[in-house]
């Protein structure tokens, strides 16, 4: 059963197991109460940076919080698509789920890197450790996906002979 699983697929599934519940909960808290959700631990560095360095007013902060929640939900959606595509063996063997994983890793890395920089600017050390850890997880998975190639198709595949005029192309003739 596990002969056609690649390291990148397993790594992506493990990352999805972490990022889907955690980032969904953070995004849901921001969507329900934007200012309160933005000032919770996973996003406090962004909130402090927006209020202190960019001096955003109330509605602008709410819009920035919703934009952050949208980015997190997008990453969660691409991780979920990756998990769904992993369930189909033909797509998993060909590496078809790597595109969804790559998009999730790219957007998630951007969000984590920006949050890490903002945490370092405002001096929030707990948030800095959190975002640096998430960024290292995402970058490590990206390196594995880039380096690991899908298994090559076997060269001994049958080449279908063209059908004669008298033979209909039915499912059992393929």
Protein backbone atom coordinates (compact mmCIF):
# COMPACT_ATOMS: atom_id res chain seq x y z
CA UNK A 1 0.00 0.00 0.00
CA UNK A 2 2.78 2.43 0.84
CA UNK A 3 4.98 1.58 -2.15
CA UNK A 4 3.88 4.58 -4.20
CA UNK A 5 4.06 7.23 -1.48
CA UNK A 6 6.87 9.75 -1.84
CA UNK A 7 8.57 11.67 0.95
CA UNK A 8 7.16 14.97 -0.35
CA UNK A 9 3.62 13.58 -0.24
CA UNK A 10 3.97 12.38 3.33
CA UNK A 11 5.64 15.64 4.35
CA UNK A 12 2.84 17.64 2.71
CA UNK A 13 0.21 15.55 4.49
CA UNK A 14 1.90 16.11 7.85
CA UNK A 15 2.12 19.84 7.22
CA UNK A 16 -1.54 19.89 6.24
CA UNK A 17 -2.37 18.09 9.48
CA UNK A 18 -0.81 21.00 11.37
CA UNK A 19 -1.71 24.01 9.24
CA UNK A 20 -5.34 23.21 8.41
CA UNK A 21 -6.69 23.21 11.98
CA UNK A 22 -4.36 25.85 13.39
CA UNK A 23 -4.65 28.42 10.61
CA UNK A 24 -8.39 27.74 10.20
CA UNK A 25 -8.96 28.53 13.86
CA UNK A 26 -6.87 31.71 13.68
CA UNK A 27 -8.64 32.85 10.50
CA UNK A 28 -12.06 32.06 12.00
CA UNK A 29 -11.24 34.12 15.11
CA UNK A 30 -10.18 37.03 12.90
CA UNK A 31 -13.32 36.77 10.76
CA UNK A 32 -15.66 36.66 13.78
CA UNK A 33 -14.01 39.50 15.71
CA UNK A 34 -11.35 41.20 13.54
CA UNK A 35 -9.66 43.38 16.15
CA UNK A 36 -9.84 40.83 18.97
CA UNK A 37 -8.71 38.01 16.66
CA UNK A 38 -5.84 40.12 15.33
CA UNK A 39 -4.53 40.78 18.85
CA UNK A 40 -4.32 37.07 19.75
CA UNK A 41 -0.88 35.43 19.94
CA UNK A 42 -0.57 34.12 16.33
CA UNK A 43 -1.28 37.56 14.87
CA UNK A 44 -0.29 39.99 17.62
CA UNK A 45 2.95 40.97 15.87
CA UNK A 46 1.02 41.98 12.76
CA UNK A 47 -1.44 43.97 14.86
CA UNK A 48 1.29 45.79 16.78
CA UNK A 49 3.21 46.54 13.59
CA UNK A 50 0.10 47.91 11.87
CA UNK A 51 -0.86 50.10 14.80
CA UNK A 52 2.62 51.29 15.85
CA UNK A 53 4.63 51.56 12.64
CA UNK A 54 1.95 52.10 10.00
CA UNK A 55 -0.40 53.99 12.34
CA UNK A 56 -3.55 52.50 10.85
CA UNK A 57 -6.95 53.62 12.02
CA UNK A 58 -9.71 51.26 13.18
CA UNK A 59 -11.34 50.36 9.86
CA UNK A 60 -8.00 50.03 8.10
CA UNK A 61 -6.86 47.61 10.79
CA UNK A 62 -10.05 45.59 10.33
CA UNK A 63 -9.43 45.43 6.57
CA UNK A 64 -5.84 44.33 7.11
CA UNK A 65 -7.04 41.67 9.56
CA UNK A 66 -9.53 40.35 7.01
CA UNK A 67 -6.80 40.29 4.37
CA UNK A 68 -4.60 38.26 6.71
CA UNK A 69 -7.51 35.89 7.38
CA UNK A 70 -8.12 35.55 3.64
CA UNK A 71 -4.48 34.63 3.10
CA UNK A 72 -4.60 32.03 5.85
CA UNK A 73 -7.85 30.54 4.51
CA UNK A 74 -6.28 30.36 1.04
CA UNK A 75 -3.34 28.40 2.42
CA UNK A 76 -5.74 26.09 4.26
CA UNK A 77 -7.76 25.55 1.06
CA UNK A 78 -4.68 24.58 -0.96
CA UNK A 79 -3.52 22.19 1.77
CA UNK A 80 -7.00 20.62 1.72
CA UNK A 81 -6.84 20.28 -2.07
CA UNK A 82 -3.45 18.62 -1.67
CA UNK A 83 -4.90 16.09 0.77
CA UNK A 84 -7.84 15.33 -1.53
CA UNK A 85 -5.50 14.77 -4.48
CA UNK A 86 -3.31 12.49 -2.36
CA UNK A 87 -6.27 10.14 -1.95
CA UNK A 88 -6.24 9.36 -5.69
CA UNK A 89 -3.39 6.89 -6.32
CA UNK A 90 -2.85 7.78 -9.98
CA UNK A 91 -2.46 11.47 -9.19
CA UNK A 92 -0.26 10.74 -6.16
CA UNK A 93 2.13 8.57 -8.23
CA UNK A 94 2.48 11.20 -10.95
CA UNK A 95 3.04 14.04 -8.47
CA UNK A 96 -0.17 15.82 -9.46
CA UNK A 97 -0.80 17.09 -5.96
CA UNK A 98 2.53 18.94 -5.85
CA UNK A 99 1.06 22.03 -7.50
CA UNK A 100 -1.51 22.58 -4.77
CA UNK A 101 1.15 21.89 -2.16
CA UNK A 102 3.55 24.33 -3.85
CA UNK A 103 0.97 27.12 -3.86
CA UNK A 104 0.16 26.49 -0.20
CA UNK A 105 3.86 26.49 0.68
CA UNK A 106 4.53 29.70 -1.27
CA UNK A 107 1.64 31.71 0.17
CA UNK A 108 2.18 30.30 3.66
CA UNK A 109 5.89 31.13 3.51
CA UNK A 110 5.13 34.70 2.49
CA UNK A 111 2.66 35.14 5.34
CA UNK A 112 5.00 33.56 7.90
CA UNK A 113 8.03 35.53 6.68
CA UNK A 114 6.15 38.84 6.75
CA UNK A 115 4.78 38.04 10.22
CA UNK A 116 8.27 37.08 11.40
CA UNK A 117 9.74 40.37 10.16
CA UNK A 118 6.92 42.32 11.80
CA UNK A 119 7.47 40.41 15.07
CA UNK A 120 11.16 41.28 15.03
CA UNK A 121 10.37 44.96 14.40
CA UNK A 122 7.99 45.21 17.36
CA UNK A 123 10.07 43.00 19.69
CA UNK A 124 7.47 40.27 20.19
CA UNK A 125 9.74 37.27 20.87
CA UNK A 126 7.07 34.57 21.31
CA UNK A 127 5.46 35.49 18.00
CA UNK A 128 8.89 35.63 16.38
CA UNK A 129 9.61 32.05 17.47
CA UNK A 130 6.21 30.87 16.27
CA UNK A 131 6.51 32.44 12.82
CA UNK A 132 10.14 31.38 12.41
CA UNK A 133 9.18 27.78 13.23
CA UNK A 134 6.30 27.85 10.74
CA UNK A 135 8.55 29.38 8.10
CA UNK A 136 11.20 26.69 8.61
CA UNK A 137 8.56 23.96 8.32
CA UNK A 138 7.24 25.45 5.08
CA UNK A 139 10.67 26.05 3.55
CA UNK A 140 11.85 22.55 4.45
CA UNK A 141 8.81 21.04 2.75
CA UNK A 142 9.38 23.26 -0.30
CA UNK A 143 12.96 22.02 -0.59
CA UNK A 144 11.82 18.40 -0.41
CA UNK A 145 9.15 18.97 -3.08
CA UNK A 146 11.60 20.73 -5.41
CA UNK A 147 14.36 18.14 -5.06
CA UNK A 148 12.21 15.01 -5.14
CA UNK A 149 10.92 14.16 -8.60
CA UNK A 150 7.93 11.91 -9.31
CA UNK A 151 8.67 8.33 -10.24
CA UNK A 152 9.38 7.93 -13.94
CA UNK A 153 6.84 6.02 -15.98
CA UNK A 154 7.94 2.58 -16.99
CA UNK A 155 9.46 2.37 -20.47
CA UNK A 156 7.89 -1.03 -21.17
CA UNK A 157 4.39 0.32 -21.44
CA UNK A 158 2.32 -1.25 -24.16
CA UNK A 159 1.89 0.76 -27.30
CA UNK A 160 -1.63 0.32 -28.55
CA UNK A 161 -1.88 -0.83 -32.13
CA UNK A 162 -4.17 1.22 -34.34
CA UNK A 163 -7.58 -0.30 -34.75
CA UNK A 164 -8.65 -1.55 -38.12
CA UNK A 165 -11.61 -0.06 -39.88
CA UNK A 166 -13.79 -3.01 -38.94
CA UNK A 167 -13.12 -2.72 -35.16
CA UNK A 168 -15.09 -0.25 -33.10
CA UNK A 169 -13.27 1.59 -30.33
CA UNK A 170 -15.12 0.28 -27.32
CA UNK A 171 -13.99 0.15 -23.73
CA UNK A 172 -13.03 -3.52 -23.94
CA UNK A 173 -10.91 -2.89 -27.08
CA UNK A 174 -8.58 -0.45 -25.39
